Amino acid sequence: MTETAADQKALTVEDATLPVIDLSGLFGGGADDRAAVAAALGEAARTSGFFYITGHGIPQAQIDALLAASRQFHEMPRRFKMKYWSGFTTHHRGYVPFEENGGDFPKSINFNEAWDMSFEAPADHPDYLAGWRMTGPNIWPDIPGWKETVSGYYDAVFGLGMKMLEALALELDVDPEELTRQISAPTSQLRLLRYVENDMPATKDVVGIGAHSDFECFTILLQGGPGLQVLSTEDVWIEAPPLLGCFIVNIGDIFETWSGGQFKSTQHRVANIGRERYSVPLFFGLDYHAVVEPLAKFRTPEVVAKYPPMKAGEHLMRMSISAFRYMADAKAKGELVPDYEVPEENPFKREAKQTAAE
């Protein structure tokens, strides 16, 4: 059963389980307005690591068109969708079928499929020519007007992400250029997700998406229905339902590293609710070869030991391999260079007190 419009509009900001931040001060406001928004973002980033945003400037008509485009693609026959299988590419673009998901299938099942696109790097980009994953040109399904709708939404939300990056830099009292100079052909991915209708009971092994942190700077999420659960500051899972007129944002591993652990890259998951559900996250990242480490003002011996330098793209690949079966197969065959070994210690991982659906 698909979420209806009435279901999606049932909750407003008064029902929020997380902070709600109005971003309108970033658009045409004065210095005091921008500072107030930055302070609110910083407070949420230091506590929950998750928050809703309003006043983001993305028109509702553009949001509705994007969700309609996602539904249009996912309702196509499987034989059509598989023509665009992401495993046909070297840089993860296109369709991700249900059976790609989860590193421990069939024990652990993630009930979703997706269309993945990213920043449009040209075919002569040196990273693409060198075979580095996650950088290169997009591919597009043969659906009239689809590319324009999806790429237009991507551009709008990516622009919003740049505004938020600058505000968070202001809050940390660092020059925004120190952060934005690492963004020229970023691995910022947009996923058009469809959670698959099923009759399996929700458990810790039967989920929409399993518990994880996000690997980039932050994520800007458009939700089309309930199911998202966030690990609270008390290490208990709480619901984070869609709210009318809001996106939900969460801090990722890169900003936790930059801030020396002050900002929180929070664990979250999507419960298997058994119903069809659409959502669209934009994972706002950096260039593949950008070196991520604590900013100079936050470096102490303890912080440097906890957050050793990492390349943004390599971190993304290390954490993605277990999520996509074709990548895991390529790794097993020795086809990935480097082989992206996952570190034994993951500084972004926290355990929940509640580990199963209840």
Protein backbone atom coordinates (compact mmCIF):
# COMPACT_ATOMS: atom_id res chain seq x y z
CA MET A 1 0.00 0.00 0.00
CA THR A 2 1.44 3.35 -1.02
CA GLU A 3 1.40 6.28 1.42
CA THR A 4 -1.45 8.63 0.48
CA ALA A 5 -1.30 12.41 0.32
CA ALA A 6 -3.38 12.53 3.48
CA ASP A 7 -0.85 10.31 5.27
CA GLN A 8 2.01 12.55 4.20
CA LYS A 9 0.27 15.76 5.33
CA ALA A 10 -0.92 14.48 8.69
CA LEU A 11 2.04 15.79 10.71
CA THR A 12 3.33 19.34 11.09
CA VAL A 13 6.22 20.96 12.98
CA GLU A 14 4.20 20.75 16.20
CA ASP A 15 4.64 16.97 15.99
CA ALA A 16 8.44 17.10 15.60
CA THR A 17 10.52 14.58 17.53
CA LEU A 18 13.72 16.47 16.65
CA PRO A 19 14.73 20.16 16.45
CA VAL A 20 13.09 22.25 13.71
CA ILE A 21 15.25 25.02 12.19
CA ASP A 22 14.02 27.79 9.89
CA LEU A 23 16.70 28.45 7.26
CA SER A 24 15.06 31.54 5.75
CA GLY A 25 17.66 33.79 7.39
CA LEU A 26 20.28 32.32 5.04
CA PHE A 27 18.42 33.67 2.00
CA GLY A 28 18.55 37.45 1.84
CA GLY A 29 18.92 38.01 5.57
CA GLY A 30 21.56 40.13 7.25
CA ALA A 31 24.61 39.01 9.19
CA ASP A 32 22.62 38.62 12.41
CA ASP A 33 20.03 36.46 10.66
CA ARG A 34 22.70 34.18 9.23
CA ALA A 35 24.44 33.95 12.59
CA ALA A 36 21.18 32.97 14.30
CA VAL A 37 20.55 30.19 11.80
CA ALA A 38 24.15 29.01 12.10
CA ALA A 39 23.86 28.88 15.88
CA ALA A 40 20.68 26.81 15.67
CA LEU A 41 22.30 24.41 13.21
CA GLY A 42 25.34 24.07 15.45
CA GLU A 43 23.25 23.32 18.52
CA ALA A 44 21.38 20.55 16.70
CA ALA A 45 24.59 19.18 15.18
CA ARG A 46 26.18 18.93 18.62
CA THR A 47 23.23 17.19 20.27
CA SER A 48 20.92 15.04 18.15
CA GLY A 49 22.90 15.27 14.90
CA PHE A 50 19.44 15.15 13.24
CA PHE A 51 17.01 18.00 12.65
CA TYR A 52 14.18 19.22 10.43
CA ILE A 53 14.57 22.30 8.23
CA THR A 54 11.93 24.73 7.00
CA GLY A 55 12.36 27.91 4.95
CA HIS A 56 14.69 25.99 2.63
CA GLY A 57 13.53 27.66 -0.58
CA ILE A 58 12.79 24.50 -2.59
CA PRO A 59 9.32 24.95 -4.17
CA GLN A 60 6.71 22.31 -3.30
CA ALA A 61 5.94 21.92 -7.01
CA GLN A 62 9.54 20.87 -7.65
CA ILE A 63 9.39 18.39 -4.76
CA ASP A 64 6.13 16.92 -6.04
CA ALA A 65 7.55 16.60 -9.56
CA LEU A 66 10.60 14.77 -8.25
CA LEU A 67 8.51 12.26 -6.28
CA ALA A 68 6.32 11.71 -9.35
CA ALA A 69 9.45 11.06 -11.45
CA SER A 70 10.71 8.55 -8.91
CA ARG A 71 7.38 6.74 -8.91
CA GLN A 72 7.29 6.79 -12.73
CA PHE A 73 10.65 5.05 -12.96
CA HIS A 74 10.07 2.50 -10.21
CA GLU A 75 6.72 1.48 -11.71
CA MET A 76 8.44 0.55 -14.98
CA PRO A 77 8.85 -3.18 -15.77
CA ARG A 78 11.91 -4.80 -14.29
CA ARG A 79 13.33 -5.57 -17.73
CA PHE A 80 13.31 -1.83 -18.47
CA LYS A 81 14.96 -0.89 -15.17
CA MET A 82 17.65 -3.55 -15.45
CA LYS A 83 18.89 -1.98 -18.70
CA TYR A 84 20.33 0.70 -16.41
CA TRP A 85 21.77 -1.56 -13.70
CA SER A 86 24.46 0.26 -11.72
CA GLY A 87 26.74 -2.76 -12.05
CA PHE A 88 27.13 -1.98 -15.74
CA THR A 89 29.05 1.19 -14.80
CA THR A 90 32.43 1.69 -13.15
CA HIS A 91 31.28 4.65 -11.05
CA HIS A 92 27.92 3.56 -9.57
CA ARG A 93 25.22 5.24 -11.61
CA GLY A 94 21.75 3.94 -12.41
CA TYR A 95 19.38 1.32 -11.06
CA VAL A 96 20.06 -0.60 -7.83
CA PRO A 97 17.66 -3.58 -7.67
CA PHE A 98 16.34 -5.07 -4.45
CA GLU A 99 18.70 -8.04 -4.54
CA GLU A 100 21.80 -5.78 -4.46
CA ASN A 101 21.02 -4.71 -0.90
CA GLY A 102 22.51 -6.06 2.30
CA GLY A 103 25.83 -7.73 2.90
CA ASP A 104 24.40 -10.79 4.71
CA PHE A 105 21.53 -11.82 2.42
CA PRO A 106 19.31 -13.81 2.95
CA LYS A 107 19.78 -13.53 6.71
CA SER A 108 19.61 -9.74 6.58
CA ILE A 109 17.20 -8.14 4.09
CA ASN A 110 16.95 -4.47 3.12
CA PHE A 111 13.59 -3.97 1.41
CA ASN A 112 14.42 -1.21 -1.06
CA GLU A 113 15.46 -0.46 -4.62
CA ALA A 114 16.92 2.80 -5.92
CA TRP A 115 18.02 4.99 -8.79
CA ASP A 116 21.42 6.55 -8.02
CA MET A 117 22.89 9.64 -9.65
CA SER A 118 25.54 12.12 -8.59
CA PHE A 119 27.39 15.27 -9.53
CA GLU A 120 27.75 15.44 -13.32
CA ALA A 121 31.49 15.09 -13.91
CA PRO A 122 32.49 15.07 -17.60
CA ALA A 123 33.62 11.93 -19.39
CA ASP A 124 37.14 13.39 -19.66
CA HIS A 125 37.45 14.03 -15.92
CA PRO A 126 40.79 12.56 -14.79
CA ASP A 127 39.26 10.63 -11.87
CA TYR A 128 36.77 8.97 -14.21
CA LEU A 129 39.45 8.14 -16.77
CA ALA A 130 41.63 6.69 -13.99
CA GLY A 131 38.81 4.38 -12.88
CA TRP A 132 38.19 5.92 -9.46
CA ARG A 133 34.72 4.97 -8.29
CA MET A 134 31.90 7.46 -7.65
CA THR A 135 33.09 10.17 -10.10
CA GLY A 136 31.93 10.56 -13.69
CA PRO A 137 28.94 11.28 -15.95
CA ASN A 138 25.41 10.23 -15.09
CA ILE A 139 23.28 7.85 -17.12
CA TRP A 140 19.58 8.45 -17.73
CA PRO A 141 16.57 6.25 -18.48
CA ASP A 142 14.74 6.70 -21.73
CA ILE A 143 11.77 8.55 -20.22
CA PRO A 144 10.85 11.93 -21.77
CA GLY A 145 11.54 14.86 -19.44
CA TRP A 146 12.85 12.62 -16.65
CA LYS A 147 16.45 13.82 -16.79
CA GLU A 148 15.39 17.47 -16.62
CA THR A 149 13.14 16.90 -13.59
CA VAL A 150 15.67 14.86 -11.60
CA SER A 151 18.75 16.90 -12.48
CA GLY A 152 16.86 20.15 -11.75
CA TYR A 153 15.95 18.88 -8.29
CA TYR A 154 19.54 17.75 -7.72
CA ASP A 155 20.87 21.21 -8.61
CA ALA A 156 18.39 22.92 -6.28
CA VAL A 157 19.12 20.72 -3.26
CA PHE A 158 22.87 20.74 -3.92
CA GLY A 159 22.68 24.55 -3.87
CA LEU A 160 20.84 24.36 -0.55
CA GLY A 161 23.63 22.11 0.72
CA MET A 162 26.24 24.74 -0.19
CA LYS A 163 24.30 27.32 1.85
CA MET A 164 24.19 24.96 4.82
CA LEU A 165 27.89 24.16 4.51
CA GLU A 166 28.73 27.85 4.69
CA ALA A 167 26.45 28.30 7.73
CA LEU A 168 28.06 25.39 9.57
CA ALA A 169 31.50 26.81 8.78
CA LEU A 170 30.33 30.11 10.30
CA GLU A 171 29.17 28.26 13.40
CA LEU A 172 32.55 26.52 13.75
CA ASP A 173 34.26 29.90 13.19
CA VAL A 174 36.30 28.73 10.22
CA ASP A 175 36.67 30.28 6.79
CA PRO A 176 34.03 28.65 4.50
CA GLU A 177 36.71 28.45 1.81
CA GLU A 178 38.55 25.94 4.01
CA LEU A 179 35.62 23.58 3.39
CA THR A 180 34.24 24.57 -0.01
CA ARG A 181 37.62 24.40 -1.79
CA GLN A 182 37.28 20.61 -1.60
CA ILE A 183 34.14 20.65 -3.76
CA SER A 184 34.67 20.71 -7.53
CA ALA A 185 33.39 17.28 -8.69
CA PRO A 186 32.07 15.85 -5.43
CA THR A 187 30.68 12.40 -4.74
CA SER A 188 27.38 14.03 -3.70
CA GLN A 189 24.85 11.33 -4.52
CA LEU A 190 21.08 11.57 -4.96
CA ARG A 191 19.13 8.33 -4.35
CA LEU A 192 15.57 7.87 -5.54
CA LEU A 193 14.54 5.13 -3.12
CA ARG A 194 11.48 2.93 -3.21
CA TYR A 195 10.83 0.71 -0.20
CA VAL A 196 9.20 -2.48 -1.38
CA GLU A 197 5.80 -3.65 -0.19
CA ASN A 198 6.10 -6.98 1.64
CA ASP A 199 4.44 -9.10 4.32
CA MET A 200 7.52 -9.95 6.39
CA PRO A 201 7.52 -8.88 10.06
CA ALA A 202 9.95 -6.12 11.01
CA THR A 203 12.99 -7.36 12.95
CA LYS A 204 16.58 -6.24 13.34
CA ASP A 205 17.41 -8.35 10.24
CA VAL A 206 14.36 -7.45 8.12
CA VAL A 207 14.52 -3.71 7.57
CA GLY A 208 14.01 -0.94 5.06
CA ILE A 209 17.68 0.02 5.53
CA GLY A 210 19.87 -1.24 8.38
CA ALA A 211 21.45 0.94 11.07
CA HIS A 212 24.30 3.15 9.84
CA SER A 213 25.76 6.63 9.89
CA ASP A 214 26.05 8.60 6.65
CA PHE A 215 29.51 8.89 5.17
CA GLU A 216 29.52 12.43 3.75
CA CYS A 217 29.21 15.97 5.21
CA PHE A 218 25.47 15.76 5.79
CA THR A 219 22.29 14.41 4.20
CA ILE A 220 19.21 16.36 3.07
CA LEU A 221 16.31 13.91 3.05
CA LEU A 222 12.90 14.16 1.43
CA GLN A 223 10.58 11.59 3.05
CA GLY A 224 7.44 10.25 1.42
CA GLY A 225 6.22 8.28 4.44
CA PRO A 226 7.07 7.07 7.95
CA GLY A 227 9.73 4.52 8.84
CA LEU A 228 12.87 6.53 9.63
CA GLN A 229 14.24 5.87 13.12
CA VAL A 230 17.07 7.85 14.76
CA LEU A 231 19.36 6.82 17.61
CA SER A 232 18.70 9.41 20.33
CA THR A 233 21.25 10.92 22.69
CA GLU A 234 20.08 8.26 25.17
CA ASP A 235 20.94 5.54 22.59
CA VAL A 236 17.28 4.63 22.10
CA TRP A 237 15.54 4.45 18.70
CA ILE A 238 12.98 7.23 18.13
CA GLU A 239 10.65 7.84 15.19
CA ALA A 240 11.41 10.73 12.81
CA PRO A 241 8.29 11.00 10.62
CA PRO A 242 7.92 13.31 7.61
CA LEU A 243 6.62 16.78 8.46
CA LEU A 244 4.71 19.06 6.14
CA GLY A 245 7.04 21.50 4.34
CA CYS A 246 10.20 20.08 5.92
CA PHE A 247 13.30 18.21 4.91
CA ILE A 248 15.18 16.23 7.51
CA VAL A 249 18.94 16.71 7.79
CA ASN A 250 21.58 14.63 9.52
CA ILE A 251 25.25 15.23 10.11
CA GLY A 252 27.63 12.77 8.43
CA ASP A 253 31.05 11.31 9.17
CA ILE A 254 32.99 14.12 7.44
CA PHE A 255 31.57 16.88 9.63
CA GLU A 256 32.06 14.79 12.76
CA THR A 257 35.71 14.44 11.74
CA TRP A 258 36.15 18.12 10.84
CA SER A 259 34.69 19.19 14.18
CA GLY A 260 36.81 16.80 16.18
CA GLY A 261 33.72 14.96 17.37
CA GLN A 262 31.71 18.04 18.40
CA PHE A 263 29.16 17.45 15.63
CA LYS A 264 27.47 14.04 15.79
CA SER A 265 27.17 11.62 12.87
CA THR A 266 24.15 9.80 14.24
CA GLN A 267 23.15 6.20 13.62
CA HIS A 268 19.78 5.78 11.93
CA ARG A 269 17.76 3.13 10.10
CA VAL A 270 14.50 2.64 8.22
CA ALA A 271 12.11 0.13 9.72
CA ASN A 272 10.32 -2.32 7.46
CA ILE A 273 6.73 -1.05 7.65
CA GLY A 274 5.59 -3.46 4.93
CA ARG A 275 4.18 -0.69 2.76
CA GLU A 276 5.51 0.97 -0.35
CA ARG A 277 7.38 4.12 0.59
CA TYR A 278 9.40 6.66 -1.39
CA SER A 279 12.24 8.81 -0.10
CA VAL A 280 15.03 10.86 -1.68
CA PRO A 281 18.27 11.60 0.19
CA LEU A 282 20.96 13.93 -1.13
CA PHE A 283 24.29 12.91 0.41
CA PHE A 284 26.37 16.08 0.33
CA GLY A 285 30.01 15.07 -0.09
CA LEU A 286 33.44 16.23 -1.16
CA ASP A 287 35.75 15.47 -4.06
CA TYR A 288 36.97 11.87 -4.08
CA HIS A 289 40.57 12.74 -3.17
CA ALA A 290 39.76 15.39 -0.54
CA VAL A 291 41.68 14.58 2.63
CA VAL A 292 39.40 14.73 5.66
CA GLU A 293 40.87 15.30 9.11
CA PRO A 294 40.00 17.42 12.16
CA LEU A 295 40.24 21.13 11.44
CA ALA A 296 43.36 22.71 12.94
CA LYS A 297 41.52 24.44 15.80
CA PHE A 298 40.09 21.10 17.03
CA ARG A 299 43.26 19.00 16.88
CA THR A 300 44.30 17.50 20.18
CA PRO A 301 46.27 14.26 20.61
CA GLU A 302 43.04 12.43 21.53
CA VAL A 303 41.08 13.84 18.58
CA VAL A 304 43.85 13.10 16.07
CA ALA A 305 44.10 9.53 17.36
CA LYS A 306 40.35 8.99 17.04
CA TYR A 307 40.00 10.60 13.60
CA PRO A 308 43.05 9.77 11.45
CA PRO A 309 43.18 11.37 7.98
CA MET A 310 41.06 9.70 5.31
CA LYS A 311 40.19 10.40 1.70
CA ALA A 312 36.51 11.26 1.35
CA GLY A 313 35.99 8.94 -1.63
CA GLU A 314 37.86 6.03 -0.10
CA HIS A 315 35.79 6.28 3.08
CA LEU A 316 32.63 6.31 0.98
CA MET A 317 33.77 3.26 -0.97
CA ARG A 318 34.88 1.30 2.11
CA MET A 319 31.48 1.75 3.69
CA SER A 320 29.53 1.20 0.46
CA ILE A 321 30.99 -2.17 -0.47
CA SER A 322 28.89 -4.04 2.08
CA ALA A 323 25.75 -2.29 0.80
CA PHE A 324 25.99 -3.34 -2.85
CA ARG A 325 26.50 -6.95 -3.83
CA TYR A 326 28.14 -6.18 -7.17
CA MET A 327 30.79 -4.11 -5.35
CA ALA A 328 31.39 -6.89 -2.82
CA ASP A 329 31.77 -9.37 -5.71
CA ALA A 330 34.26 -7.07 -7.46
CA LYS A 331 36.27 -6.77 -4.24
CA ALA A 332 36.29 -10.55 -3.80
CA LYS A 333 37.64 -10.92 -7.35
CA GLY A 334 40.38 -8.36 -6.72
CA GLU A 335 38.88 -5.92 -9.22
CA LEU A 336 38.86 -2.90 -6.89
CA VAL A 337 42.02 -0.79 -6.61
CA PRO A 338 42.64 -0.03 -3.83
CA ASP A 339 40.74 -2.86 -2.15
CA TYR A 340 39.09 -0.52 0.39
CA GLU A 341 39.60 -2.52 3.57
CA VAL A 342 37.21 -1.42 6.32
CA PRO A 343 39.06 -0.27 9.47
CA GLU A 344 38.65 -2.48 12.52
CA GLU A 345 37.65 0.55 14.59
CA ASN A 346 34.80 2.69 13.25
CA PRO A 347 34.73 5.95 15.25
CA PHE A 348 31.24 6.77 13.97
CA LYS A 349 29.52 3.61 15.23
CA ARG A 350 27.34 3.60 18.36
CA GLU A 351 25.24 0.75 19.69
CA ALA A 352 21.57 1.15 20.51
CA LYS A 353 20.05 -0.02 23.74
CA GLN A 354 17.13 -1.22 21.63
CA THR A 355 18.51 -3.41 18.86
CA ALA A 356 15.31 -4.94 17.49
CA ALA A 357 11.93 -3.68 16.35
CA GLU A 358 9.56 -3.76 19.32
